[in-house]
Amino acid sequence: MPADVDAIAGAVARSRWLDGYTLWRTLKNVETELYALQRAQIPVPFGLVRMRAIIRRARALKDKIPGILEGAGSAHLESVAVPVGPDFDPFDFVDPYLALGGRREASVRNETMGISQFNEETPQAAEYWRRGFSKLSRQQRHAVATCLFLRGKA
């Protein structure tokens, strides 16, 4: 990987304003754009490919650099309102959790759906889950389990 891409990715990873969810969402948007261009057989701009490489590298660095987790991203998590209430959408809860590095999965056993954690998740995802899941009602927890089950199938 070129040195300039590494330098830019390092600066992005050390940024206090870009948390894991923002990087994930940006990467998803860039990859969607690349897919649309390739499918339409339109030449892909080099800048877009370079941006994808920078974001991927920044996400990898953000996980490895000690001290990054205490940045504004973690402080931002405390101010994030967990969506609870009558207009609760489980995807609004699950998508940020997975983007933060959440590793919980839902499975169906004996016609009962349960949530299990098989792999270690990031501290941000664990904190988001701890703060949010405890506030949910039984119906909302079941909706989150269904959503995790669907996301696991994707």
N, C-alpha and C. Protein backbone atom coordinates (compact mmCIF):
# COMPACT_ATOMS: atom_id res chain seq x y z
N MET A 1 0.86 -1.17 0.00
CA MET A 1 0.00 0.00 0.00
C MET A 1 0.91 1.24 0.00
N PRO A 2 0.62 2.21 -0.85
CA PRO A 2 1.47 3.40 -0.91
C PRO A 2 1.55 4.12 0.43
N ALA A 3 2.68 4.79 0.61
CA ALA A 3 2.93 5.48 1.89
C ALA A 3 1.93 6.59 2.13
N ASP A 4 1.50 7.29 1.07
CA ASP A 4 0.54 8.38 1.28
C ASP A 4 -0.80 7.85 1.76
N VAL A 5 -1.21 6.68 1.28
CA VAL A 5 -2.46 6.08 1.75
C VAL A 5 -2.33 5.71 3.23
N ASP A 6 -1.19 5.14 3.61
CA ASP A 6 -0.96 4.81 5.02
C ASP A 6 -0.95 6.06 5.90
N ALA A 7 -0.33 7.12 5.40
CA ALA A 7 -0.27 8.36 6.18
C ALA A 7 -1.67 8.96 6.37
N ILE A 8 -2.44 8.99 5.29
CA ILE A 8 -3.80 9.54 5.38
C ILE A 8 -4.66 8.66 6.27
N ALA A 9 -4.55 7.34 6.11
CA ALA A 9 -5.35 6.42 6.93
C ALA A 9 -4.99 6.56 8.41
N GLY A 10 -3.70 6.76 8.70
CA GLY A 10 -3.29 6.97 10.09
C GLY A 10 -3.90 8.23 10.67
N ALA A 11 -3.93 9.30 9.87
CA ALA A 11 -4.53 10.55 10.33
C ALA A 11 -6.03 10.37 10.56
N VAL A 12 -6.69 9.65 9.67
CA VAL A 12 -8.12 9.40 9.82
C VAL A 12 -8.37 8.55 11.07
N ALA A 13 -7.55 7.54 11.30
CA ALA A 13 -7.72 6.67 12.47
C ALA A 13 -7.54 7.43 13.78
N ARG A 14 -6.63 8.40 13.78
CA ARG A 14 -6.39 9.18 15.00
C ARG A 14 -7.39 10.32 15.18
N SER A 15 -8.23 10.53 14.20
CA SER A 15 -9.21 11.61 14.27
C SER A 15 -10.15 11.38 15.45
N ARG A 16 -10.45 12.44 16.16
CA ARG A 16 -11.36 12.32 17.31
C ARG A 16 -12.82 12.43 16.87
N TRP A 17 -13.06 12.74 15.62
CA TRP A 17 -14.42 12.97 15.16
C TRP A 17 -15.00 11.78 14.40
N LEU A 18 -14.16 10.85 14.01
CA LEU A 18 -14.65 9.70 13.25
C LEU A 18 -14.67 8.47 14.14
N ASP A 19 -15.85 8.00 14.47
CA ASP A 19 -15.95 6.78 15.27
C ASP A 19 -16.14 5.58 14.34
N GLY A 20 -16.24 4.41 14.92
CA GLY A 20 -16.36 3.19 14.13
C GLY A 20 -17.58 3.17 13.24
N TYR A 21 -18.70 3.67 13.73
CA TYR A 21 -19.92 3.66 12.93
C TYR A 21 -19.79 4.58 11.72
N THR A 22 -19.22 5.76 11.91
CA THR A 22 -19.07 6.71 10.80
C THR A 22 -18.17 6.13 9.72
N LEU A 23 -17.08 5.50 10.12
CA LEU A 23 -16.19 4.88 9.14
C LEU A 23 -16.89 3.73 8.41
N TRP A 24 -17.62 2.92 9.14
CA TRP A 24 -18.34 1.81 8.52
C TRP A 24 -19.38 2.31 7.53
N ARG A 25 -20.14 3.32 7.93
CA ARG A 25 -21.18 3.86 7.06
C ARG A 25 -20.58 4.47 5.80
N THR A 26 -19.47 5.20 5.95
CA THR A 26 -18.80 5.80 4.80
C THR A 26 -18.28 4.72 3.86
N LEU A 27 -17.68 3.69 4.41
CA LEU A 27 -17.17 2.59 3.59
C LEU A 27 -18.31 1.91 2.84
N LYS A 28 -19.43 1.71 3.52
CA LYS A 28 -20.58 1.08 2.87
C LYS A 28 -21.09 1.94 1.71
N ASN A 29 -21.14 3.25 1.90
CA ASN A 29 -21.58 4.14 0.83
C ASN A 29 -20.63 4.11 -0.36
N VAL A 30 -19.32 4.12 -0.09
CA VAL A 30 -18.32 4.08 -1.16
C VAL A 30 -18.42 2.76 -1.92
N GLU A 31 -18.55 1.65 -1.21
CA GLU A 31 -18.64 0.36 -1.89
C GLU A 31 -19.93 0.23 -2.69
N THR A 32 -21.02 0.82 -2.22
CA THR A 32 -22.26 0.82 -2.98
C THR A 32 -22.08 1.60 -4.28
N GLU A 33 -21.42 2.74 -4.21
CA GLU A 33 -21.16 3.54 -5.40
C GLU A 33 -20.26 2.79 -6.38
N LEU A 34 -19.22 2.14 -5.88
CA LEU A 34 -18.33 1.36 -6.74
C LEU A 34 -19.08 0.22 -7.42
N TYR A 35 -19.93 -0.45 -6.69
CA TYR A 35 -20.71 -1.55 -7.26
C TYR A 35 -21.64 -1.04 -8.36
N ALA A 36 -22.28 0.09 -8.12
CA ALA A 36 -23.19 0.65 -9.13
C ALA A 36 -22.43 1.03 -10.40
N LEU A 37 -21.25 1.61 -10.24
CA LEU A 37 -20.44 1.97 -11.41
C LEU A 37 -19.98 0.73 -12.18
N GLN A 38 -19.53 -0.28 -11.47
CA GLN A 38 -19.07 -1.50 -12.13
C GLN A 38 -20.22 -2.22 -12.82
N ARG A 39 -21.37 -2.23 -12.20
CA ARG A 39 -22.52 -2.90 -12.80
C ARG A 39 -22.98 -2.19 -14.06
N ALA A 40 -22.88 -0.87 -14.06
CA ALA A 40 -23.25 -0.09 -15.24
C ALA A 40 -22.13 -0.05 -16.28
N GLN A 41 -21.02 -0.71 -15.98
CA GLN A 41 -19.85 -0.76 -16.85
C GLN A 41 -19.32 0.63 -17.18
N ILE A 42 -19.32 1.47 -16.16
CA ILE A 42 -18.77 2.82 -16.26
C ILE A 42 -17.38 2.79 -15.63
N PRO A 43 -16.41 3.46 -16.23
CA PRO A 43 -15.07 3.47 -15.63
C PRO A 43 -15.12 4.00 -14.19
N VAL A 44 -14.43 3.30 -13.32
CA VAL A 44 -14.42 3.66 -11.90
C VAL A 44 -13.33 4.70 -11.66
N PRO A 45 -13.67 5.84 -11.05
CA PRO A 45 -12.65 6.85 -10.76
C PRO A 45 -11.62 6.32 -9.76
N PHE A 46 -10.36 6.60 -10.03
CA PHE A 46 -9.28 6.14 -9.17
C PHE A 46 -9.43 6.71 -7.76
N GLY A 47 -9.92 7.93 -7.65
CA GLY A 47 -10.09 8.55 -6.34
C GLY A 47 -11.05 7.78 -5.44
N LEU A 48 -12.07 7.18 -6.05
CA LEU A 48 -13.03 6.41 -5.27
C LEU A 48 -12.40 5.11 -4.76
N VAL A 49 -11.60 4.47 -5.60
CA VAL A 49 -10.90 3.25 -5.17
C VAL A 49 -9.89 3.59 -4.07
N ARG A 50 -9.22 4.71 -4.22
CA ARG A 50 -8.24 5.16 -3.22
C ARG A 50 -8.94 5.47 -1.89
N MET A 51 -10.12 6.10 -1.97
CA MET A 51 -10.87 6.41 -0.76
C MET A 51 -11.26 5.13 -0.02
N ARG A 52 -11.67 4.11 -0.77
CA ARG A 52 -12.03 2.84 -0.15
C ARG A 52 -10.82 2.23 0.56
N ALA A 53 -9.66 2.29 -0.08
CA ALA A 53 -8.44 1.75 0.54
C ALA A 53 -8.08 2.52 1.81
N ILE A 54 -8.24 3.83 1.79
CA ILE A 54 -7.93 4.65 2.96
C ILE A 54 -8.88 4.32 4.11
N ILE A 55 -10.16 4.20 3.82
CA ILE A 55 -11.14 3.93 4.88
C ILE A 55 -10.92 2.53 5.46
N ARG A 56 -10.66 1.55 4.60
CA ARG A 56 -10.40 0.19 5.10
C ARG A 56 -9.17 0.17 6.01
N ARG A 57 -8.12 0.84 5.58
CA ARG A 57 -6.88 0.89 6.37
C ARG A 57 -7.12 1.63 7.68
N ALA A 58 -7.89 2.73 7.63
CA ALA A 58 -8.17 3.50 8.85
C ALA A 58 -8.97 2.67 9.85
N ARG A 59 -9.92 1.89 9.36
CA ARG A 59 -10.70 1.03 10.27
C ARG A 59 -9.80 -0.01 10.93
N ALA A 60 -8.88 -0.58 10.16
CA ALA A 60 -7.95 -1.56 10.73
C ALA A 60 -7.03 -0.91 11.75
N LEU A 61 -6.55 0.29 11.45
CA LEU A 61 -5.66 0.99 12.39
C LEU A 61 -6.40 1.41 13.65
N LYS A 62 -7.64 1.84 13.50
CA LYS A 62 -8.41 2.31 14.65
C LYS A 62 -8.59 1.18 15.67
N ASP A 63 -8.68 -0.05 15.19
CA ASP A 63 -8.81 -1.20 16.10
C ASP A 63 -7.50 -1.53 16.79
N LYS A 64 -6.37 -1.22 16.15
CA LYS A 64 -5.05 -1.62 16.67
C LYS A 64 -4.38 -0.58 17.55
N ILE A 65 -4.65 0.71 17.32
CA ILE A 65 -3.93 1.76 18.03
C ILE A 65 -4.49 1.91 19.44
N PRO A 66 -3.66 1.73 20.49
CA PRO A 66 -4.15 1.92 21.85
C PRO A 66 -4.43 3.40 22.11
N GLY A 67 -5.47 3.65 22.87
CA GLY A 67 -5.81 5.03 23.19
C GLY A 67 -6.83 5.62 22.24
N ILE A 68 -7.03 5.00 21.10
CA ILE A 68 -8.00 5.52 20.14
C ILE A 68 -9.42 5.35 20.69
N LEU A 69 -9.64 4.30 21.45
CA LEU A 69 -10.99 4.01 21.92
C LEU A 69 -11.52 5.06 22.87
N GLU A 70 -10.65 5.85 23.48
CA GLU A 70 -11.11 6.86 24.42
C GLU A 70 -11.38 8.19 23.74
N GLY A 71 -11.38 8.22 22.42
CA GLY A 71 -11.57 9.47 21.68
C GLY A 71 -13.01 9.94 21.72
N ALA A 72 -13.31 10.85 20.84
CA ALA A 72 -14.65 11.42 20.79
C ALA A 72 -15.69 10.39 20.41
N GLY A 73 -15.28 9.34 19.70
CA GLY A 73 -16.22 8.30 19.34
C GLY A 73 -16.83 7.65 20.56
N SER A 74 -16.01 7.34 21.56
CA SER A 74 -16.53 6.74 22.78
C SER A 74 -17.36 7.74 23.57
N ALA A 75 -16.93 8.99 23.59
CA ALA A 75 -17.71 10.02 24.27
C ALA A 75 -19.03 10.23 23.55
N HIS A 76 -18.99 10.11 22.23
CA HIS A 76 -20.20 10.26 21.43
C HIS A 76 -21.21 9.16 21.76
N LEU A 77 -20.72 7.96 22.08
CA LEU A 77 -21.61 6.86 22.42
C LEU A 77 -22.48 7.18 23.62
N GLU A 78 -21.92 7.91 24.58
CA GLU A 78 -22.69 8.25 25.77
C GLU A 78 -23.86 9.16 25.45
N SER A 79 -23.72 9.97 24.40
CA SER A 79 -24.78 10.90 24.05
C SER A 79 -25.76 10.30 23.04
N VAL A 80 -25.45 9.13 22.49
CA VAL A 80 -26.34 8.50 21.53
C VAL A 80 -27.56 7.97 22.27
N ALA A 81 -28.71 8.40 21.83
CA ALA A 81 -29.94 7.93 22.45
C ALA A 81 -30.31 6.58 21.84
N VAL A 82 -30.48 5.61 22.69
CA VAL A 82 -30.91 4.30 22.21
C VAL A 82 -32.38 4.41 21.86
N PRO A 83 -32.75 3.99 20.65
CA PRO A 83 -34.13 4.16 20.20
C PRO A 83 -35.09 3.24 20.94
N VAL A 84 -35.80 3.79 21.90
CA VAL A 84 -36.83 3.03 22.61
C VAL A 84 -38.12 3.82 22.50
N GLY A 85 -39.22 3.13 22.69
CA GLY A 85 -40.51 3.79 22.61
C GLY A 85 -41.42 3.09 21.63
N PRO A 86 -42.59 3.67 21.40
CA PRO A 86 -43.56 3.01 20.53
C PRO A 86 -43.11 2.94 19.07
N ASP A 87 -42.25 3.86 18.64
CA ASP A 87 -41.79 3.86 17.25
C ASP A 87 -40.42 3.18 17.12
N PHE A 88 -40.16 2.20 17.96
CA PHE A 88 -38.88 1.50 17.99
C PHE A 88 -38.66 0.72 16.70
N ASP A 89 -37.50 0.92 16.08
CA ASP A 89 -37.10 0.15 14.91
C ASP A 89 -35.85 -0.65 15.30
N PRO A 90 -35.93 -1.97 15.33
CA PRO A 90 -34.77 -2.75 15.79
C PRO A 90 -33.53 -2.56 14.92
N PHE A 91 -33.72 -2.24 13.64
CA PHE A 91 -32.57 -2.02 12.77
C PHE A 91 -31.80 -0.77 13.18
N ASP A 92 -32.50 0.22 13.75
CA ASP A 92 -31.81 1.41 14.25
C ASP A 92 -30.97 1.10 15.48
N PHE A 93 -31.27 0.02 16.15
CA PHE A 93 -30.45 -0.42 17.30
C PHE A 93 -29.33 -1.36 16.84
N VAL A 94 -29.66 -2.30 15.97
CA VAL A 94 -28.71 -3.34 15.58
C VAL A 94 -27.62 -2.83 14.64
N ASP A 95 -27.97 -1.99 13.66
CA ASP A 95 -26.97 -1.54 12.68
C ASP A 95 -25.80 -0.80 13.32
N PRO A 96 -26.04 0.19 14.20
CA PRO A 96 -24.89 0.82 14.86
C PRO A 96 -24.10 -0.16 15.72
N TYR A 97 -24.80 -1.08 16.38
CA TYR A 97 -24.11 -2.08 17.21
C TYR A 97 -23.16 -2.93 16.37
N LEU A 98 -23.63 -3.42 15.25
CA LEU A 98 -22.78 -4.23 14.38
C LEU A 98 -21.64 -3.41 13.79
N ALA A 99 -21.92 -2.15 13.45
CA ALA A 99 -20.89 -1.29 12.89
C ALA A 99 -19.80 -0.98 13.91
N LEU A 100 -20.15 -0.97 15.18
CA LEU A 100 -19.16 -0.72 16.23
C LEU A 100 -18.33 -1.96 16.54
N GLY A 101 -18.62 -3.06 15.88
CA GLY A 101 -17.84 -4.28 16.09
C GLY A 101 -18.56 -5.31 16.93
N GLY A 102 -19.88 -5.21 17.03
CA GLY A 102 -20.65 -6.17 17.79
C GLY A 102 -20.62 -7.55 17.15
N ARG A 103 -20.57 -8.58 17.98
CA ARG A 103 -20.45 -9.94 17.46
C ARG A 103 -21.55 -10.87 17.97
N ARG A 104 -22.62 -10.34 18.48
CA ARG A 104 -23.69 -11.20 18.97
C ARG A 104 -24.51 -11.71 17.77
N GLU A 105 -25.01 -12.92 17.92
CA GLU A 105 -25.80 -13.55 16.87
C GLU A 105 -27.07 -14.12 17.46
N ALA A 106 -28.10 -14.20 16.65
CA ALA A 106 -29.36 -14.79 17.08
C ALA A 106 -29.52 -16.14 16.39
N SER A 107 -30.12 -17.06 17.11
CA SER A 107 -30.38 -18.38 16.54
C SER A 107 -31.71 -18.90 17.07
N VAL A 108 -32.28 -19.83 16.33
CA VAL A 108 -33.55 -20.42 16.73
C VAL A 108 -33.30 -21.85 17.18
N ARG A 109 -33.72 -22.14 18.40
CA ARG A 109 -33.60 -23.48 18.96
C ARG A 109 -34.94 -23.86 19.59
N ASN A 110 -35.48 -24.98 19.15
CA ASN A 110 -36.77 -25.45 19.69
C ASN A 110 -37.83 -24.37 19.62
N GLU A 111 -37.92 -23.70 18.50
CA GLU A 111 -38.90 -22.65 18.24
C GLU A 111 -38.75 -21.46 19.18
N THR A 112 -37.58 -21.30 19.78
CA THR A 112 -37.29 -20.16 20.64
C THR A 112 -36.07 -19.44 20.09
N MET A 113 -36.16 -18.13 19.98
CA MET A 113 -35.04 -17.35 19.47
C MET A 113 -34.22 -16.83 20.63
N GLY A 114 -32.91 -17.00 20.53
CA GLY A 114 -32.00 -16.54 21.57
C GLY A 114 -30.83 -15.79 20.98
N ILE A 115 -30.21 -14.95 21.79
CA ILE A 115 -29.05 -14.17 21.36
C ILE A 115 -27.82 -14.71 22.09
N SER A 116 -26.77 -14.99 21.32
CA SER A 116 -25.53 -15.53 21.89
C SER A 116 -24.36 -14.70 21.41
N GLN A 117 -23.31 -14.71 22.20
CA GLN A 117 -22.07 -14.03 21.82
C GLN A 117 -20.97 -15.07 21.77
N PHE A 118 -20.45 -15.32 20.56
CA PHE A 118 -19.42 -16.34 20.38
C PHE A 118 -18.03 -15.74 20.29
N ASN A 119 -17.92 -14.53 19.80
CA ASN A 119 -16.63 -13.88 19.60
C ASN A 119 -16.55 -12.62 20.44
N GLU A 120 -15.33 -12.18 20.69
CA GLU A 120 -15.12 -10.96 21.46
C GLU A 120 -15.49 -9.76 20.62
N GLU A 121 -16.19 -8.81 21.21
CA GLU A 121 -16.57 -7.60 20.50
C GLU A 121 -15.76 -6.42 21.00
N THR A 122 -15.85 -5.31 20.29
CA THR A 122 -15.10 -4.12 20.68
C THR A 122 -15.69 -3.52 21.95
N PRO A 123 -14.91 -2.75 22.69
CA PRO A 123 -15.45 -2.11 23.90
C PRO A 123 -16.61 -1.17 23.60
N GLN A 124 -16.55 -0.47 22.45
CA GLN A 124 -17.64 0.43 22.09
C GLN A 124 -18.94 -0.34 21.88
N ALA A 125 -18.86 -1.47 21.19
CA ALA A 125 -20.05 -2.28 20.94
C ALA A 125 -20.60 -2.85 22.24
N ALA A 126 -19.72 -3.31 23.11
CA ALA A 126 -20.17 -3.87 24.39
C ALA A 126 -20.88 -2.81 25.23
N GLU A 127 -20.33 -1.60 25.25
CA GLU A 127 -20.96 -0.51 26.01
C GLU A 127 -22.31 -0.12 25.41
N TYR A 128 -22.37 -0.03 24.08
CA TYR A 128 -23.62 0.30 23.40
C TYR A 128 -24.68 -0.76 23.72
N TRP A 129 -24.31 -2.03 23.68
CA TRP A 129 -25.25 -3.11 23.97
C TRP A 129 -25.70 -3.06 25.42
N ARG A 130 -24.76 -2.88 26.34
CA ARG A 130 -25.09 -2.85 27.77
C ARG A 130 -26.05 -1.71 28.08
N ARG A 131 -25.78 -0.53 27.53
CA ARG A 131 -26.63 0.63 27.82
C ARG A 131 -28.00 0.52 27.16
N GLY A 132 -28.03 -0.03 25.95
CA GLY A 132 -29.28 -0.03 25.20
C GLY A 132 -30.18 -1.22 25.44
N PHE A 133 -29.61 -2.41 25.45
CA PHE A 133 -30.44 -3.61 25.51
C PHE A 133 -31.18 -3.72 26.83
N SER A 134 -30.58 -3.22 27.90
CA SER A 134 -31.23 -3.31 29.21
C SER A 134 -32.48 -2.43 29.30
N LYS A 135 -32.57 -1.42 28.44
CA LYS A 135 -33.72 -0.51 28.46
C LYS A 135 -34.90 -1.01 27.63
N LEU A 136 -34.70 -2.08 26.88
CA LEU A 136 -35.73 -2.54 25.96
C LEU A 136 -36.75 -3.44 26.65
N SER A 137 -37.98 -3.36 26.17
CA SER A 137 -39.03 -4.24 26.68
C SER A 137 -38.85 -5.64 26.08
N ARG A 138 -39.67 -6.56 26.54
CA ARG A 138 -39.56 -7.94 26.05
C ARG A 138 -39.85 -8.02 24.55
N GLN A 139 -40.87 -7.29 24.09
CA GLN A 139 -41.20 -7.30 22.67
C GLN A 139 -40.08 -6.67 21.85
N GLN A 140 -39.49 -5.60 22.37
CA GLN A 140 -38.40 -4.94 21.66
C GLN A 140 -37.16 -5.84 21.61
N ARG A 141 -36.90 -6.57 22.69
CA ARG A 141 -35.76 -7.50 22.70
C ARG A 141 -35.97 -8.61 21.67
N HIS A 142 -37.21 -9.08 21.56
CA HIS A 142 -37.50 -10.10 20.56
C HIS A 142 -37.32 -9.52 19.16
N ALA A 143 -37.71 -8.27 18.96
CA ALA A 143 -37.51 -7.63 17.65
C ALA A 143 -36.02 -7.49 17.33
N VAL A 144 -35.21 -7.17 18.34
CA VAL A 144 -33.76 -7.07 18.15
C VAL A 144 -33.19 -8.44 17.80
N ALA A 145 -33.66 -9.49 18.47
CA ALA A 145 -33.19 -10.85 18.17
C ALA A 145 -33.54 -11.23 16.74
N THR A 146 -34.75 -10.91 16.31
CA THR A 146 -35.16 -11.19 14.93
C THR A 146 -34.28 -10.43 13.95
N CYS A 147 -34.00 -9.19 14.26
CA CYS A 147 -33.15 -8.37 13.40
C CYS A 147 -31.73 -8.94 13.33
N LEU A 148 -31.17 -9.34 14.46
CA LEU A 148 -29.85 -9.97 14.46
C LEU A 148 -29.86 -11.27 13.65
N PHE A 149 -30.94 -12.01 13.75
CA PHE A 149 -31.06 -13.25 12.98
C PHE A 149 -31.06 -12.94 11.48
N LEU A 150 -31.82 -11.92 11.08
CA LEU A 150 -31.86 -11.53 9.67
C LEU A 150 -30.52 -11.01 9.18
N ARG A 151 -29.85 -10.21 10.00
CA ARG A 151 -28.53 -9.66 9.63
C ARG A 151 -27.50 -10.78 9.51
N GLY A 152 -27.66 -11.82 10.32
CA GLY A 152 -26.74 -12.95 10.24
C GLY A 152 -26.91 -13.75 8.97
N LYS A 153 -28.11 -13.70 8.40
CA LYS A 153 -28.39 -14.42 7.16
C LYS A 153 -27.91 -13.65 5.94
N ALA A 154 -27.68 -12.35 6.10
CA ALA A 154 -27.31 -11.52 4.94
C ALA A 154 -25.90 -11.77 4.49
